[in-house]
Amino acid sequence: MVEVAGALIEKDGRFLICQRPPEKKRGTLWEFVGGKWEPGETGEEALARECMEELDIVVAVGERFMDVVHTYPEGTIHLTIYHATIVSGTPRLLEHTAMRYITPAEIPEYAFCPADEPVLAKI
């Protein structure tokens, strides 16, 4: 099972989502910023690193929001979503093709990665 950390970054009643590049698995689908844990990392450390690599931001990782286990054709992931706050930087697209802050009411307007569906239902 692959460990993955994701960020629930909220601002003014909206939360941040990013669109995956078309050449990646699940290309063009929307997701929370984050990624796989490296060996020896905690989920919080992985999330902070991924936010820097993907959006050039420093985040303060807060409480765990929820965990999801999802099986894709290539394998099973354990996704841990954490509350996170941007403490430095302005998000820039370094890996994704687009980003948006959306309200919970706007969720149906976007196609998300299947592992994110339980998270979106809780939001």
N, C-alpha and C. Protein backbone atom coordinates (compact mmCIF):
# COMPACT_ATOMS: atom_id res chain seq x y z
N MET A 1 0.85 -1.18 0.00
CA MET A 1 0.00 0.00 0.00
C MET A 1 0.89 1.24 0.00
N VAL A 2 0.54 2.19 -0.83
CA VAL A 2 1.30 3.43 -0.95
C VAL A 2 0.68 4.48 -0.04
N GLU A 3 1.51 5.13 0.78
CA GLU A 3 1.04 6.20 1.66
C GLU A 3 1.09 7.53 0.92
N VAL A 4 -0.02 8.26 0.94
CA VAL A 4 -0.15 9.54 0.25
C VAL A 4 -0.72 10.56 1.22
N ALA A 5 -0.18 11.77 1.19
CA ALA A 5 -0.68 12.87 2.02
C ALA A 5 -1.27 13.94 1.12
N GLY A 6 -2.40 14.51 1.55
CA GLY A 6 -3.04 15.58 0.81
C GLY A 6 -3.40 16.73 1.72
N ALA A 7 -3.48 17.94 1.15
CA ALA A 7 -3.74 19.16 1.93
C ALA A 7 -5.13 19.71 1.67
N LEU A 8 -5.83 19.96 2.76
CA LEU A 8 -7.08 20.70 2.70
C LEU A 8 -6.74 22.13 3.12
N ILE A 9 -6.50 22.97 2.10
CA ILE A 9 -6.11 24.36 2.31
C ILE A 9 -7.35 25.22 2.07
N GLU A 10 -7.81 25.89 3.12
CA GLU A 10 -9.03 26.68 3.03
C GLU A 10 -8.73 28.17 3.12
N LYS A 11 -9.56 28.95 2.42
CA LYS A 11 -9.41 30.40 2.41
C LYS A 11 -10.77 31.01 2.08
N ASP A 12 -11.28 31.81 2.98
CA ASP A 12 -12.53 32.54 2.75
C ASP A 12 -13.69 31.62 2.34
N GLY A 13 -13.83 30.48 3.01
CA GLY A 13 -14.92 29.56 2.73
C GLY A 13 -14.72 28.70 1.49
N ARG A 14 -13.55 28.74 0.92
CA ARG A 14 -13.22 27.94 -0.27
C ARG A 14 -12.03 27.05 0.05
N PHE A 15 -11.84 26.00 -0.74
CA PHE A 15 -10.68 25.14 -0.55
C PHE A 15 -9.96 24.94 -1.88
N LEU A 16 -8.65 24.71 -1.79
CA LEU A 16 -7.78 24.65 -2.96
C LEU A 16 -7.80 23.27 -3.60
N ILE A 17 -7.99 23.26 -4.93
CA ILE A 17 -7.87 22.03 -5.71
C ILE A 17 -6.93 22.30 -6.89
N CYS A 18 -6.30 21.22 -7.38
CA CYS A 18 -5.35 21.34 -8.49
C CYS A 18 -5.68 20.30 -9.55
N GLN A 19 -5.41 20.64 -10.81
CA GLN A 19 -5.70 19.73 -11.92
C GLN A 19 -4.43 19.01 -12.34
N ARG A 20 -4.53 17.69 -12.43
CA ARG A 20 -3.39 16.86 -12.81
C ARG A 20 -3.03 17.07 -14.28
N PRO A 21 -1.73 17.01 -14.61
CA PRO A 21 -1.33 17.14 -16.01
C PRO A 21 -1.88 15.98 -16.84
N PRO A 22 -2.17 16.21 -18.12
CA PRO A 22 -2.79 15.17 -18.95
C PRO A 22 -1.93 13.92 -19.13
N GLU A 23 -0.61 14.06 -19.04
CA GLU A 23 0.25 12.89 -19.29
C GLU A 23 0.39 11.97 -18.08
N LYS A 24 -0.11 12.36 -16.92
CA LYS A 24 -0.02 11.52 -15.72
C LYS A 24 -1.24 10.63 -15.60
N LYS A 25 -1.12 9.59 -14.77
CA LYS A 25 -2.29 8.77 -14.47
C LYS A 25 -3.37 9.67 -13.92
N ARG A 26 -4.60 9.41 -14.31
CA ARG A 26 -5.74 10.23 -13.94
C ARG A 26 -5.56 11.68 -14.39
N GLY A 27 -4.91 11.83 -15.55
CA GLY A 27 -4.65 13.15 -16.12
C GLY A 27 -5.92 13.95 -16.32
N THR A 28 -5.84 15.21 -16.07
CA THR A 28 -6.88 16.24 -16.16
C THR A 28 -7.91 16.17 -15.02
N LEU A 29 -7.85 15.16 -14.17
CA LEU A 29 -8.75 15.13 -13.02
C LEU A 29 -8.22 16.10 -11.96
N TRP A 30 -9.12 16.51 -11.07
CA TRP A 30 -8.78 17.44 -10.01
C TRP A 30 -8.47 16.68 -8.74
N GLU A 31 -7.63 17.28 -7.88
CA GLU A 31 -7.20 16.63 -6.65
C GLU A 31 -6.78 17.69 -5.63
N PHE A 32 -6.46 17.20 -4.43
CA PHE A 32 -5.85 18.05 -3.40
C PHE A 32 -4.35 18.00 -3.62
N VAL A 33 -3.66 19.09 -3.37
CA VAL A 33 -2.21 19.09 -3.50
C VAL A 33 -1.63 18.09 -2.50
N GLY A 34 -0.57 17.42 -2.90
CA GLY A 34 0.07 16.44 -2.03
C GLY A 34 0.75 15.36 -2.84
N GLY A 35 1.12 14.28 -2.17
CA GLY A 35 1.78 13.20 -2.87
C GLY A 35 2.28 12.11 -1.94
N LYS A 36 3.07 11.24 -2.52
CA LYS A 36 3.57 10.06 -1.81
C LYS A 36 4.59 10.43 -0.74
N TRP A 37 4.55 9.65 0.33
CA TRP A 37 5.55 9.78 1.38
C TRP A 37 6.85 9.18 0.88
N GLU A 38 7.95 9.83 1.19
CA GLU A 38 9.28 9.27 0.93
C GLU A 38 9.68 8.41 2.12
N PRO A 39 10.60 7.46 1.93
CA PRO A 39 11.03 6.62 3.07
C PRO A 39 11.53 7.48 4.23
N GLY A 40 11.05 7.16 5.43
CA GLY A 40 11.48 7.87 6.63
C GLY A 40 10.68 9.12 6.96
N GLU A 41 9.79 9.54 6.06
CA GLU A 41 8.99 10.74 6.30
C GLU A 41 7.72 10.40 7.08
N THR A 42 7.24 11.38 7.83
CA THR A 42 5.89 11.30 8.38
C THR A 42 4.94 11.87 7.32
N GLY A 43 3.66 11.69 7.53
CA GLY A 43 2.69 12.28 6.62
C GLY A 43 2.79 13.79 6.58
N GLU A 44 3.00 14.39 7.74
CA GLU A 44 3.11 15.84 7.81
C GLU A 44 4.34 16.34 7.05
N GLU A 45 5.45 15.63 7.19
CA GLU A 45 6.68 16.01 6.47
C GLU A 45 6.50 15.85 4.96
N ALA A 46 5.86 14.76 4.56
CA ALA A 46 5.62 14.52 3.14
C ALA A 46 4.74 15.62 2.55
N LEU A 47 3.71 16.01 3.29
CA LEU A 47 2.81 17.03 2.80
C LEU A 47 3.52 18.38 2.65
N ALA A 48 4.31 18.74 3.65
CA ALA A 48 5.05 20.01 3.57
C ALA A 48 5.99 20.00 2.36
N ARG A 49 6.68 18.89 2.14
CA ARG A 49 7.60 18.78 1.00
C ARG A 49 6.84 18.88 -0.32
N GLU A 50 5.75 18.14 -0.43
CA GLU A 50 4.98 18.12 -1.67
C GLU A 50 4.39 19.50 -1.99
N CYS A 51 3.93 20.22 -0.98
CA CYS A 51 3.39 21.56 -1.22
C CYS A 51 4.47 22.49 -1.76
N MET A 52 5.69 22.34 -1.25
CA MET A 52 6.81 23.15 -1.75
C MET A 52 7.15 22.75 -3.18
N GLU A 53 7.21 21.44 -3.46
CA GLU A 53 7.58 20.96 -4.80
C GLU A 53 6.52 21.28 -5.85
N GLU A 54 5.25 21.18 -5.47
CA GLU A 54 4.18 21.33 -6.45
C GLU A 54 3.66 22.76 -6.61
N LEU A 55 3.70 23.54 -5.51
CA LEU A 55 3.11 24.88 -5.57
C LEU A 55 4.05 25.98 -5.08
N ASP A 56 5.26 25.62 -4.65
CA ASP A 56 6.23 26.61 -4.16
C ASP A 56 5.70 27.39 -2.96
N ILE A 57 5.03 26.66 -2.04
CA ILE A 57 4.51 27.29 -0.83
C ILE A 57 5.00 26.53 0.40
N VAL A 58 5.11 27.26 1.49
CA VAL A 58 5.40 26.66 2.79
C VAL A 58 4.08 26.58 3.54
N VAL A 59 3.76 25.40 4.04
CA VAL A 59 2.52 25.23 4.78
C VAL A 59 2.78 24.79 6.21
N ALA A 60 1.87 25.18 7.08
CA ALA A 60 1.82 24.63 8.43
C ALA A 60 0.78 23.51 8.37
N VAL A 61 1.22 22.31 8.65
CA VAL A 61 0.31 21.16 8.59
C VAL A 61 -0.40 21.04 9.93
N GLY A 62 -1.72 21.00 9.86
CA GLY A 62 -2.53 20.94 11.06
C GLY A 62 -3.06 19.54 11.33
N GLU A 63 -4.25 19.49 11.87
CA GLU A 63 -4.87 18.23 12.26
C GLU A 63 -5.24 17.39 11.05
N ARG A 64 -5.25 16.09 11.29
CA ARG A 64 -5.71 15.14 10.27
C ARG A 64 -7.20 15.36 10.06
N PHE A 65 -7.62 15.49 8.80
CA PHE A 65 -9.03 15.67 8.47
C PHE A 65 -9.72 14.32 8.31
N MET A 66 -9.07 13.42 7.54
CA MET A 66 -9.61 12.07 7.39
C MET A 66 -8.64 11.19 6.63
N ASP A 67 -8.91 9.88 6.66
CA ASP A 67 -8.12 8.88 5.93
C ASP A 67 -9.04 8.14 4.97
N VAL A 68 -8.47 7.79 3.81
CA VAL A 68 -9.20 7.04 2.80
C VAL A 68 -8.27 5.95 2.26
N VAL A 69 -8.79 4.75 2.14
CA VAL A 69 -8.07 3.69 1.44
C VAL A 69 -8.81 3.45 0.13
N HIS A 70 -8.06 3.53 -0.98
CA HIS A 70 -8.68 3.37 -2.30
C HIS A 70 -7.79 2.50 -3.17
N THR A 71 -8.41 1.62 -3.94
CA THR A 71 -7.66 0.75 -4.84
C THR A 71 -7.86 1.22 -6.28
N TYR A 72 -6.74 1.59 -6.90
CA TYR A 72 -6.70 1.91 -8.32
C TYR A 72 -6.21 0.67 -9.06
N PRO A 73 -6.31 0.62 -10.39
CA PRO A 73 -5.81 -0.56 -11.12
C PRO A 73 -4.34 -0.88 -10.83
N GLU A 74 -3.52 0.15 -10.57
CA GLU A 74 -2.09 -0.08 -10.35
C GLU A 74 -1.75 -0.37 -8.89
N GLY A 75 -2.71 -0.25 -7.98
CA GLY A 75 -2.43 -0.56 -6.58
C GLY A 75 -3.30 0.24 -5.62
N THR A 76 -3.12 -0.05 -4.36
CA THR A 76 -3.92 0.56 -3.30
C THR A 76 -3.15 1.69 -2.64
N ILE A 77 -3.88 2.79 -2.36
CA ILE A 77 -3.26 3.91 -1.65
C ILE A 77 -3.99 4.12 -0.33
N HIS A 78 -3.25 4.63 0.63
CA HIS A 78 -3.82 5.11 1.89
C HIS A 78 -3.60 6.62 1.86
N LEU A 79 -4.68 7.36 1.64
CA LEU A 79 -4.64 8.82 1.54
C LEU A 79 -5.00 9.42 2.88
N THR A 80 -4.11 10.24 3.41
CA THR A 80 -4.38 11.00 4.64
C THR A 80 -4.48 12.46 4.27
N ILE A 81 -5.64 13.05 4.55
CA ILE A 81 -5.85 14.47 4.28
C ILE A 81 -5.66 15.24 5.58
N TYR A 82 -4.83 16.27 5.52
CA TYR A 82 -4.56 17.13 6.67
C TYR A 82 -5.07 18.54 6.38
N HIS A 83 -5.54 19.20 7.42
CA HIS A 83 -5.76 20.64 7.30
C HIS A 83 -4.38 21.28 7.15
N ALA A 84 -4.27 22.29 6.31
CA ALA A 84 -2.99 22.97 6.13
C ALA A 84 -3.25 24.45 5.87
N THR A 85 -2.29 25.25 6.29
CA THR A 85 -2.37 26.70 6.12
C THR A 85 -1.11 27.20 5.43
N ILE A 86 -1.27 28.03 4.43
CA ILE A 86 -0.11 28.62 3.75
C ILE A 86 0.50 29.66 4.68
N VAL A 87 1.78 29.49 4.99
CA VAL A 87 2.46 30.46 5.86
C VAL A 87 3.46 31.31 5.09
N SER A 88 3.82 30.86 3.89
CA SER A 88 4.76 31.63 3.08
C SER A 88 4.59 31.26 1.62
N GLY A 89 4.61 32.28 0.77
CA GLY A 89 4.54 32.07 -0.67
C GLY A 89 3.13 32.20 -1.20
N THR A 90 3.06 32.33 -2.51
CA THR A 90 1.81 32.36 -3.26
C THR A 90 1.83 31.15 -4.17
N PRO A 91 0.77 30.32 -4.16
CA PRO A 91 0.79 29.11 -4.98
C PRO A 91 1.09 29.40 -6.45
N ARG A 92 2.06 28.62 -6.98
CA ARG A 92 2.44 28.69 -8.40
C ARG A 92 2.32 27.29 -8.97
N LEU A 93 1.93 27.19 -10.21
CA LEU A 93 1.78 25.88 -10.87
C LEU A 93 3.14 25.36 -11.32
N LEU A 94 3.69 24.43 -10.55
CA LEU A 94 4.97 23.82 -10.91
C LEU A 94 4.77 22.42 -11.49
N GLU A 95 3.67 21.76 -11.14
CA GLU A 95 3.39 20.41 -11.66
C GLU A 95 1.99 20.30 -12.24
N HIS A 96 1.04 21.03 -11.70
CA HIS A 96 -0.34 20.93 -12.15
C HIS A 96 -0.60 21.87 -13.33
N THR A 97 -1.73 21.67 -14.01
CA THR A 97 -2.06 22.53 -15.14
C THR A 97 -2.99 23.67 -14.75
N ALA A 98 -3.67 23.55 -13.61
CA ALA A 98 -4.57 24.60 -13.14
C ALA A 98 -4.81 24.43 -11.65
N MET A 99 -5.27 25.50 -11.01
CA MET A 99 -5.68 25.42 -9.61
C MET A 99 -6.83 26.38 -9.40
N ARG A 100 -7.65 26.06 -8.41
CA ARG A 100 -8.82 26.88 -8.11
C ARG A 100 -9.10 26.77 -6.61
N TYR A 101 -9.67 27.84 -6.08
CA TYR A 101 -10.31 27.77 -4.76
C TYR A 101 -11.80 27.65 -5.06
N ILE A 102 -12.42 26.58 -4.56
CA ILE A 102 -13.84 26.37 -4.83
C ILE A 102 -14.62 26.23 -3.52
N THR A 103 -15.91 26.46 -3.61
CA THR A 103 -16.80 26.25 -2.47
C THR A 103 -17.30 24.81 -2.51
N PRO A 104 -17.78 24.31 -1.39
CA PRO A 104 -18.36 22.96 -1.42
C PRO A 104 -19.49 22.82 -2.45
N ALA A 105 -20.25 23.87 -2.66
CA ALA A 105 -21.35 23.82 -3.64
C ALA A 105 -20.84 23.63 -5.07
N GLU A 106 -19.59 24.00 -5.34
CA GLU A 106 -19.02 23.89 -6.69
C GLU A 106 -18.41 22.52 -6.98
N ILE A 107 -18.32 21.65 -5.99
CA ILE A 107 -17.70 20.33 -6.17
C ILE A 107 -18.23 19.59 -7.40
N PRO A 108 -19.55 19.55 -7.64
CA PRO A 108 -20.06 18.80 -8.80
C PRO A 108 -19.59 19.32 -10.17
N GLU A 109 -19.06 20.52 -10.21
CA GLU A 109 -18.60 21.09 -11.48
C GLU A 109 -17.24 20.55 -11.91
N TYR A 110 -16.58 19.77 -11.05
CA TYR A 110 -15.22 19.29 -11.33
C TYR A 110 -15.17 17.77 -11.25
N ALA A 111 -14.35 17.16 -12.11
CA ALA A 111 -14.12 15.72 -12.09
C ALA A 111 -12.89 15.46 -11.23
N PHE A 112 -13.05 14.75 -10.12
CA PHE A 112 -11.97 14.51 -9.17
C PHE A 112 -11.45 13.08 -9.28
N CYS A 113 -10.24 12.89 -8.78
CA CYS A 113 -9.68 11.55 -8.64
C CYS A 113 -10.60 10.74 -7.72
N PRO A 114 -10.84 9.47 -8.04
CA PRO A 114 -11.77 8.66 -7.24
C PRO A 114 -11.42 8.60 -5.74
N ALA A 115 -10.15 8.57 -5.39
CA ALA A 115 -9.79 8.50 -3.97
C ALA A 115 -10.23 9.73 -3.20
N ASP A 116 -10.46 10.85 -3.88
CA ASP A 116 -10.87 12.08 -3.22
C ASP A 116 -12.36 12.15 -2.95
N GLU A 117 -13.14 11.29 -3.55
CA GLU A 117 -14.61 11.35 -3.43
C GLU A 117 -15.10 11.30 -1.98
N PRO A 118 -14.57 10.40 -1.12
CA PRO A 118 -15.04 10.41 0.28
C PRO A 118 -14.67 11.70 1.01
N VAL A 119 -13.55 12.29 0.67
CA VAL A 119 -13.12 13.55 1.28
C VAL A 119 -14.11 14.65 0.89
N LEU A 120 -14.43 14.70 -0.38
CA LEU A 120 -15.36 15.72 -0.88
C LEU A 120 -16.73 15.56 -0.24
N ALA A 121 -17.16 14.32 -0.01
CA ALA A 121 -18.45 14.07 0.63
C ALA A 121 -18.46 14.59 2.06
N LYS A 122 -17.33 14.52 2.74
CA LYS A 122 -17.23 15.01 4.12
C LYS A 122 -17.16 16.54 4.18
N ILE A 123 -16.59 17.15 3.16
CA ILE A 123 -16.49 18.62 3.13
C ILE A 123 -17.89 19.18 3.00
